[in-house]
Amino acid sequence: MNPRIPPHHVRREELLDWQTYDDSRDMTRKQIIATKQPRRLHLGRYLTFLFENHDTIRYQIQEMMRVERIVRESSIQEELDTYNSLLGGPGQLGCTLLIEIEDEAKRQPLLEAWINLPNTIYAAAADEEKRYAEFDLTQIGRGRLSSVQYLTFSLDDPPIVIGCDLPDLAGEILLDQTQQIALAHDLAATRR
């Protein structure tokens, strides 16, 4: 076990070759759907947050290995590095933010108008101030956002609220008990 790898990150020894994985894929998919359910949050009409954890990231890596038929160790390590980076470090929750604009004619103008969106996304624990998300600057360019953003929230305590301050999208979600428990579990796993 490599002590430099954070405890909540996926390790190489946890991954199956794509053919062996394919044998149990249906069962794994059912488990991951259940795992993702309390970690999927909708804010308003356009924003969907998908909080990631060890299991969801392992699933994503296994799916990539299967689809791409990845067997070369250097390529597997590249997938591990890429996907583990989405989880953040100790005390951080990783999240994929989907900006869902179905109308193609509106998509480009809105992604341009909302270029400051990542700066306005926050999480808050009970009786604490807002903690704004950290994001990948490479997902913003040429005057517009990517419709998929990778965020991390640095938190002392599990969040009970996820929100946005951008005027066009302003709002908050109060997490239900199941969501709070799921994210509390994931945050605790980052500190083991």
Protein backbone atom coordinates (compact mmCIF):
# COMPACT_ATOMS: atom_id res chain seq x y z
CA MET A 1 0.00 0.00 0.00
CA ASN A 2 1.41 3.36 -1.05
CA PRO A 3 1.26 5.76 1.94
CA ARG A 4 1.31 8.80 -0.40
CA ILE A 5 -2.06 7.87 -1.92
CA PRO A 6 -4.92 9.39 0.11
CA PRO A 7 -7.00 6.68 1.79
CA HIS A 8 -10.18 7.53 -0.13
CA HIS A 9 -8.49 7.27 -3.54
CA VAL A 10 -8.69 4.16 -5.69
CA ARG A 11 -5.58 1.99 -5.74
CA ARG A 12 -4.30 -0.12 -8.61
CA GLU A 13 -4.77 -3.38 -6.70
CA GLU A 14 -8.52 -2.68 -6.43
CA LEU A 15 -9.03 -2.76 -10.18
CA LEU A 16 -9.94 -5.84 -12.17
CA ASP A 17 -8.91 -6.48 -15.74
CA TRP A 18 -11.71 -5.40 -18.08
CA GLN A 19 -12.80 -8.95 -18.94
CA THR A 20 -13.12 -10.05 -15.31
CA TYR A 21 -14.92 -6.80 -14.50
CA ASP A 22 -17.34 -7.41 -17.36
CA ASP A 23 -18.42 -10.69 -15.70
CA SER A 24 -19.81 -8.84 -12.66
CA ARG A 25 -20.69 -5.54 -14.35
CA ASP A 26 -24.49 -5.84 -14.08
CA MET A 27 -24.38 -6.35 -10.33
CA THR A 28 -21.81 -3.58 -9.91
CA ARG A 29 -23.94 -1.14 -11.92
CA LYS A 30 -26.95 -1.78 -9.66
CA GLN A 31 -24.83 -1.11 -6.58
CA ILE A 32 -23.40 2.10 -8.04
CA ILE A 33 -26.81 3.40 -9.06
CA ALA A 34 -27.89 3.01 -5.43
CA THR A 35 -24.64 4.65 -4.23
CA LYS A 36 -25.09 7.62 -6.57
CA GLN A 37 -28.74 8.28 -5.73
CA PRO A 38 -28.22 10.29 -2.51
CA ARG A 39 -25.16 11.97 -4.05
CA ARG A 40 -27.08 13.42 -7.03
CA LEU A 41 -28.50 16.86 -6.25
CA HIS A 42 -30.49 19.18 -8.49
CA LEU A 43 -30.38 22.94 -8.03
CA GLY A 44 -32.95 24.72 -10.12
CA ARG A 45 -33.53 23.92 -13.75
CA TYR A 46 -29.95 23.68 -15.02
CA LEU A 47 -27.54 22.46 -12.33
CA THR A 48 -26.97 18.85 -11.31
CA PHE A 49 -24.30 17.99 -8.75
CA LEU A 50 -22.88 14.47 -8.71
CA PHE A 51 -20.79 13.99 -5.58
CA GLU A 52 -18.11 11.38 -6.10
CA ASN A 53 -16.60 8.91 -3.68
CA HIS A 54 -14.21 5.97 -3.78
CA ASP A 55 -16.82 3.57 -5.15
CA THR A 56 -18.16 5.86 -7.89
CA ILE A 57 -14.63 6.66 -9.05
CA ARG A 58 -13.59 2.99 -9.04
CA TYR A 59 -16.67 2.29 -11.15
CA GLN A 60 -15.76 5.07 -13.61
CA ILE A 61 -12.22 3.73 -13.98
CA GLN A 62 -13.46 0.18 -14.50
CA GLU A 63 -15.93 1.40 -17.11
CA MET A 64 -13.18 3.27 -18.97
CA MET A 65 -10.94 0.22 -18.87
CA ARG A 66 -13.80 -1.88 -20.26
CA VAL A 67 -14.89 0.52 -23.00
CA GLU A 68 -11.33 1.34 -24.10
CA ARG A 69 -10.07 -2.23 -23.51
CA ILE A 70 -7.24 -0.80 -21.42
CA VAL A 71 -4.64 -3.33 -20.31
CA ARG A 72 -1.35 -1.42 -20.43
CA GLU A 73 -0.21 -0.49 -16.91
CA SER A 74 0.81 3.03 -17.90
CA SER A 75 -2.68 3.65 -19.33
CA ILE A 76 -4.35 2.23 -16.22
CA GLN A 77 -2.21 4.52 -14.06
CA GLU A 78 -3.24 7.49 -16.19
CA GLU A 79 -6.91 6.66 -15.58
CA LEU A 80 -6.24 6.30 -11.84
CA ASP A 81 -4.48 9.67 -11.70
CA THR A 82 -7.18 11.43 -13.72
CA TYR A 83 -10.18 10.07 -11.85
CA ASN A 84 -8.62 10.16 -8.37
CA SER A 85 -7.92 13.86 -8.86
CA LEU A 86 -11.71 14.39 -8.94
CA LEU A 87 -11.93 13.25 -5.31
CA GLY A 88 -9.64 15.94 -3.94
CA GLY A 89 -7.56 15.50 -0.83
CA PRO A 90 -8.20 15.14 2.90
CA GLY A 91 -11.16 17.24 4.01
CA GLN A 92 -12.47 17.69 0.49
CA LEU A 93 -15.56 16.45 -1.30
CA GLY A 94 -15.25 16.02 -5.05
CA CYS A 95 -18.16 16.80 -7.30
CA THR A 96 -19.02 16.78 -10.98
CA LEU A 97 -21.31 19.68 -11.88
CA LEU A 98 -23.42 19.21 -14.98
CA ILE A 99 -24.84 22.34 -16.57
CA GLU A 100 -27.82 20.87 -18.37
CA ILE A 101 -29.13 23.12 -21.13
CA GLU A 102 -31.26 21.05 -23.48
CA ASP A 103 -32.07 23.81 -25.97
CA GLU A 104 -29.04 23.92 -28.30
CA ALA A 105 -29.83 27.48 -29.39
CA LYS A 106 -29.62 28.67 -25.76
CA ARG A 107 -26.62 26.55 -24.70
CA GLN A 108 -23.78 28.66 -26.11
CA PRO A 109 -25.17 32.06 -25.02
CA LEU A 110 -25.90 30.78 -21.50
CA LEU A 111 -22.48 29.16 -21.10
CA GLU A 112 -20.98 32.50 -22.10
CA ALA A 113 -23.24 34.49 -19.77
CA TRP A 114 -22.54 32.15 -16.86
CA ILE A 115 -18.75 32.16 -17.20
CA ASN A 116 -18.37 33.11 -13.49
CA LEU A 117 -20.57 30.24 -12.32
CA PRO A 118 -17.78 28.14 -10.73
CA ASN A 119 -16.86 31.10 -8.48
CA THR A 120 -20.40 31.21 -7.10
CA ILE A 121 -20.97 27.56 -6.11
CA TYR A 122 -20.78 26.84 -2.39
CA ALA A 123 -21.44 24.33 0.36
CA ALA A 124 -22.23 25.10 3.98
CA ALA A 125 -22.39 23.06 7.15
CA ALA A 126 -24.75 23.84 10.02
CA ASP A 127 -24.07 27.30 11.48
CA GLU A 128 -21.03 27.82 9.26
CA GLU A 129 -20.21 30.27 6.52
CA LYS A 130 -20.31 29.33 2.86
CA ARG A 131 -17.30 27.46 1.50
CA TYR A 132 -16.89 28.20 -2.18
CA ALA A 133 -15.86 25.42 -4.54
CA GLU A 134 -12.44 25.10 -6.04
CA PHE A 135 -12.49 24.30 -9.75
CA ASP A 136 -10.28 23.51 -12.69
CA LEU A 137 -9.46 26.69 -14.61
CA THR A 138 -8.91 24.68 -17.80
CA GLN A 139 -12.68 24.13 -17.96
CA ILE A 140 -13.18 27.81 -18.67
CA GLY A 141 -11.87 29.32 -21.84
CA ARG A 142 -12.59 31.38 -24.90
CA GLY A 143 -15.28 33.29 -23.08
CA ARG A 144 -17.39 30.31 -22.10
CA LEU A 145 -17.72 27.46 -19.62
CA SER A 146 -17.56 23.77 -20.28
CA SER A 147 -20.95 22.22 -19.55
CA VAL A 148 -19.19 19.79 -17.19
CA GLN A 149 -17.25 21.23 -14.26
CA TYR A 150 -15.14 19.36 -11.71
CA LEU A 151 -15.36 20.92 -8.27
CA THR A 152 -13.93 20.26 -4.83
CA PHE A 153 -15.27 21.63 -1.57
CA SER A 154 -12.86 22.00 1.36
CA LEU A 155 -14.93 21.42 4.49
CA ASP A 156 -14.46 20.99 8.22
CA ASP A 157 -17.91 19.48 8.69
CA PRO A 158 -20.34 17.75 6.32
CA PRO A 159 -22.51 20.11 4.28
CA ILE A 160 -26.21 20.52 4.81
CA VAL A 161 -26.64 23.12 2.04
CA ILE A 162 -25.39 23.39 -1.54
CA GLY A 163 -25.99 26.68 -3.29
CA CYS A 164 -25.20 29.18 -5.99
CA ASP A 165 -24.87 32.98 -5.81
CA LEU A 166 -24.91 33.67 -9.56
CA PRO A 167 -27.96 35.92 -10.06
CA ASP A 168 -29.45 33.92 -12.97
CA LEU A 169 -29.10 30.64 -11.07
CA ALA A 170 -29.23 31.75 -7.43
CA GLY A 171 -30.66 29.27 -4.98
CA GLU A 172 -29.91 26.67 -2.34
CA ILE A 173 -30.68 23.03 -1.72
CA LEU A 174 -31.18 21.87 1.85
CA LEU A 175 -29.88 18.31 1.85
CA ASP A 176 -32.24 15.68 3.17
CA GLN A 177 -31.10 13.28 5.89
CA THR A 178 -30.04 10.55 3.44
CA GLN A 179 -27.96 13.02 1.45
CA GLN A 180 -26.36 14.46 4.59
CA ILE A 181 -25.42 10.98 5.84
CA ALA A 182 -23.92 10.00 2.46
CA LEU A 183 -21.77 13.14 2.22
CA ALA A 184 -20.77 12.92 5.91
CA HIS A 185 -19.57 9.36 5.26
CA ASP A 186 -17.60 10.47 2.20
CA LEU A 187 -16.01 13.42 4.01
CA ALA A 188 -15.01 11.19 6.94
CA ALA A 189 -13.39 8.75 4.49
CA THR A 190 -11.05 11.51 3.28
CA ARG A 191 -9.55 11.79 6.77
CA ARG A 192 -8.88 8.14 7.60
